[in-house]
Structure formats: structure tokens, C-alpha cells
Amino acid sequence: MPSIVPTLEWLEGLAWTTAIRESVWGYPIILTAHVASIVAFAGLIIVMDLRLFGVAFPDVPRTQIQRRLFPWQMAAFVPSTATGLLLCCIDPLRYYGNVIFRVKLVLLALAGLNALVFHLKTYPMAGQWDDDPRLRGTVRLGGGLSLLLWSAIIVSGRLTATNWFN
């Protein structure tokens, strides 16, 4: 089985990745943009998930919260993803060997799968979210799982900088 390490070494050795990694302002600016976009994205996700879970904004229909927040969530998701990928490209060997970062990637995949299942299976029945007791349970489960996953992603992202396992 071929190793990915030579490819990561090549990526890390590129002039532009080295320049950003070693610059006084490049890496901190990208990291700050990543954290700021995550804060915006996570805040919007948390508001929506708390409503889906049934603990916030009980007088506002779940569909109304979803319809209003989703475009803003996507607007924050794009720069968060772009800056996250850029950070990985700048210092790939550091992240590749980081166990906590690998956990974060698994959690991101699970959160993406949860969102995909939610949007394909549950969202088409959005008109029934507030009336159908069985469907309310499914919506609550999706919101609760999302809250759990995104909380774990944020914690693992923060712990990536202090990997105790290397």
C-alpha cells in the first residue's frame, strides 16, 4: 500500500506553502479567518439545532428557523472549509500525524452524513415537523445529534493544537 507521506512532504515543500507557514502574517491571518468563520457557522448551526431539538424559540416554527438560517450557514461554511483546507495544505505533516485531528476528520464526516440524511430524508417533510409527533422525534434526534457532533468537532479542533498523543 503506497504511503501518502511523500505527497504530504511535497505539498509542505512547495514555495507558497512554505512562504505562508513561515510568514509573520500569513498563517495567523488564515487561522483567524478559519476561527471567525467557524464561530459564525457554529453559532448558526447551534441556533437551528436547538430549535430542532425543541429547547429554543418554541413559538417559531422549525421550518421558519431552517429557511432563514440555512443560506447564512452555507455562507459561513464555505470560508470555514476553504481556510481549513488551506491550513492543512500549509502544514500537512503536522496534521497527518495528529491523532486528535484525525478524530476531528471522522467527526466532520459524521456531521456531514447527519446533515445529508437530514436534508434527504427529513427536510422534504418539513411541513409536518411541528404537527406529526413521530416526525418531531426524528427532527429532535437530528438536531441533538448535530449539536453533539459539532460540539465535539469544535473541541477536537481546539485540542488539535495541543495534541497529547505525539
Protein backbone atom coordinates (compact mmCIF):
# COMPACT_ATOMS: atom_id res chain seq x y z
CA MET A 1 0.00 0.00 0.00
CA PRO A 2 1.54 3.33 -1.05
CA SER A 3 2.18 5.89 1.65
CA ILE A 4 0.69 9.37 1.49
CA VAL A 5 3.70 10.84 3.35
CA PRO A 6 5.77 11.59 0.19
CA THR A 7 2.84 13.55 -1.23
CA LEU A 8 2.45 15.48 2.02
CA GLU A 9 6.20 16.19 2.08
CA TRP A 10 5.95 17.50 -1.48
CA LEU A 11 2.97 19.71 -0.54
CA GLU A 12 4.74 21.02 2.53
CA GLY A 13 7.83 21.83 0.48
CA LEU A 14 6.04 23.95 -2.13
CA ALA A 15 7.17 27.56 -2.24
CA TRP A 16 3.75 29.02 -1.47
CA THR A 17 3.02 26.71 1.47
CA THR A 18 6.45 27.37 2.94
CA ALA A 19 6.05 31.12 2.43
CA ILE A 20 2.71 31.19 4.23
CA ARG A 21 3.86 28.87 7.03
CA GLU A 22 6.96 30.96 7.68
CA SER A 23 5.44 34.40 7.19
CA VAL A 24 4.71 36.66 10.11
CA TRP A 25 1.16 37.42 8.98
CA GLY A 26 0.06 34.72 6.51
CA TYR A 27 -0.60 31.80 8.82
CA PRO A 28 -2.12 33.89 11.65
CA ILE A 29 -4.48 35.65 9.23
CA ILE A 30 -5.68 32.38 7.71
CA LEU A 31 -6.08 30.80 11.15
CA THR A 32 -8.02 33.83 12.39
CA ALA A 33 -10.30 33.72 9.33
CA HIS A 34 -10.84 30.00 9.95
CA VAL A 35 -11.78 30.52 13.59
CA ALA A 36 -14.04 33.51 12.78
CA SER A 37 -15.91 31.62 10.07
CA ILE A 38 -16.26 28.58 12.36
CA VAL A 39 -17.72 30.79 15.08
CA ALA A 40 -20.29 32.19 12.64
CA PHE A 41 -21.11 28.76 11.20
CA ALA A 42 -21.29 27.01 14.56
CA GLY A 43 -23.40 29.78 16.07
CA LEU A 44 -25.95 29.49 13.28
CA ILE A 45 -25.91 25.69 13.48
CA ILE A 46 -26.41 25.78 17.24
CA VAL A 47 -29.39 28.13 16.97
CA MET A 48 -31.03 25.91 14.35
CA ASP A 49 -30.24 22.67 16.18
CA LEU A 50 -31.53 23.99 19.49
CA ARG A 51 -34.81 24.82 17.75
CA LEU A 52 -34.94 21.42 16.03
CA PHE A 53 -34.22 19.78 19.38
CA GLY A 54 -37.10 21.76 20.87
CA VAL A 55 -35.35 23.85 23.51
CA ALA A 56 -35.11 27.27 21.83
CA PHE A 57 -37.63 29.55 20.16
CA PRO A 58 -40.65 27.32 20.86
CA ASP A 59 -43.06 29.84 19.33
CA VAL A 60 -41.22 29.95 15.99
CA PRO A 61 -41.95 27.12 13.55
CA ARG A 62 -38.93 24.88 12.93
CA THR A 63 -39.28 25.37 9.18
CA GLN A 64 -39.07 29.14 9.53
CA ILE A 65 -35.80 28.92 11.50
CA GLN A 66 -34.38 26.46 8.96
CA ARG A 67 -35.41 28.56 5.96
CA ARG A 68 -33.94 31.76 7.40
CA LEU A 69 -30.66 30.36 8.72
CA PHE A 70 -29.66 27.88 6.03
CA PRO A 71 -28.34 30.43 3.48
CA TRP A 72 -26.29 32.12 6.20
CA GLN A 73 -24.96 28.77 7.38
CA MET A 74 -23.74 27.99 3.88
CA ALA A 75 -22.22 31.47 3.59
CA ALA A 76 -20.15 30.74 6.73
CA PHE A 77 -19.44 27.10 5.79
CA VAL A 78 -17.64 28.00 2.56
CA PRO A 79 -14.88 30.18 4.06
CA SER A 80 -14.57 27.83 7.03
CA THR A 81 -13.95 24.88 4.73
CA ALA A 82 -11.65 26.84 2.41
CA THR A 83 -9.47 28.17 5.22
CA GLY A 84 -9.42 24.76 6.93
CA LEU A 85 -8.20 23.08 3.74
CA LEU A 86 -5.64 25.84 3.28
CA LEU A 87 -4.32 25.32 6.82
CA CYS A 88 -3.96 21.60 6.11
CA CYS A 89 -2.05 22.33 2.90
CA ILE A 90 0.30 24.73 4.66
CA ASP A 91 1.36 22.25 7.34
CA PRO A 92 0.20 18.78 6.18
CA LEU A 93 2.71 16.61 8.04
CA ARG A 94 1.82 18.23 11.35
CA TYR A 95 -1.85 17.45 10.86
CA TYR A 96 -1.30 14.00 9.35
CA GLY A 97 0.43 12.77 12.48
CA ASN A 98 -2.08 14.33 14.86
CA VAL A 99 -4.48 11.76 16.34
CA ILE A 100 -6.92 14.40 17.55
CA PHE A 101 -7.03 15.95 14.08
CA ARG A 102 -7.90 12.54 12.64
CA VAL A 103 -10.71 12.26 15.18
CA LYS A 104 -11.91 15.68 14.04
CA LEU A 105 -11.97 14.49 10.42
CA VAL A 106 -14.06 11.46 11.38
CA LEU A 107 -16.44 13.71 13.33
CA LEU A 108 -16.69 16.08 10.34
CA ALA A 109 -17.59 13.13 8.11
CA LEU A 110 -20.26 12.01 10.59
CA ALA A 111 -21.67 15.55 10.84
CA GLY A 112 -21.77 15.74 7.04
CA LEU A 113 -23.53 12.37 6.88
CA ASN A 114 -26.03 13.53 9.52
CA ALA A 115 -26.73 16.70 7.52
CA LEU A 116 -27.08 14.73 4.28
CA VAL A 117 -29.52 12.25 5.81
CA PHE A 118 -31.44 15.11 7.42
CA HIS A 119 -31.76 17.04 4.16
CA LEU A 120 -32.61 13.98 2.05
CA LYS A 121 -34.94 12.14 4.43
CA THR A 122 -36.33 14.60 6.97
CA TYR A 123 -36.32 18.02 5.29
CA PRO A 124 -38.72 17.03 2.47
CA MET A 125 -41.36 16.56 5.19
CA ALA A 126 -40.66 19.95 6.78
CA GLY A 127 -44.31 20.98 6.58
CA GLN A 128 -45.14 18.23 9.08
CA TRP A 129 -42.31 18.95 11.56
CA ASP A 130 -44.48 20.81 14.03
CA ASP A 131 -47.61 18.63 13.75
CA ASP A 132 -46.53 14.98 13.43
CA PRO A 133 -45.33 13.57 16.82
CA ARG A 134 -43.35 10.76 15.16
CA LEU A 135 -41.60 13.15 12.80
CA ARG A 136 -40.92 15.61 15.65
CA GLY A 137 -38.90 12.83 17.31
CA THR A 138 -36.84 12.32 14.14
CA VAL A 139 -36.26 16.07 13.82
CA ARG A 140 -35.24 16.25 17.50
CA LEU A 141 -32.85 13.33 17.03
CA GLY A 142 -31.22 15.02 14.01
CA GLY A 143 -30.86 18.30 15.89
CA GLY A 144 -29.49 16.61 19.01
CA LEU A 145 -27.00 14.53 17.04
CA SER A 146 -25.88 17.62 15.16
CA LEU A 147 -25.36 19.53 18.43
CA LEU A 148 -23.30 16.66 19.81
CA LEU A 149 -21.18 16.25 16.68
CA TRP A 150 -20.46 19.96 16.16
CA SER A 151 -19.58 20.40 19.83
CA ALA A 152 -17.12 17.52 19.56
CA ILE A 153 -15.71 18.95 16.32
CA ILE A 154 -15.08 22.32 17.96
CA VAL A 155 -13.43 20.71 20.99
CA SER A 156 -11.27 18.41 18.87
CA GLY A 157 -10.32 21.33 16.63
CA ARG A 158 -9.13 23.27 19.64
CA LEU A 159 -7.29 20.26 21.05
CA THR A 160 -5.54 19.69 17.73
CA ALA A 161 -3.10 22.43 18.68
CA THR A 162 -2.21 20.60 21.90
CA ASN A 163 -2.01 17.01 20.69
CA TRP A 164 -1.03 14.97 23.73
CA PHE A 165 -0.57 11.77 21.76
CA ASN A 166 2.57 12.70 19.78
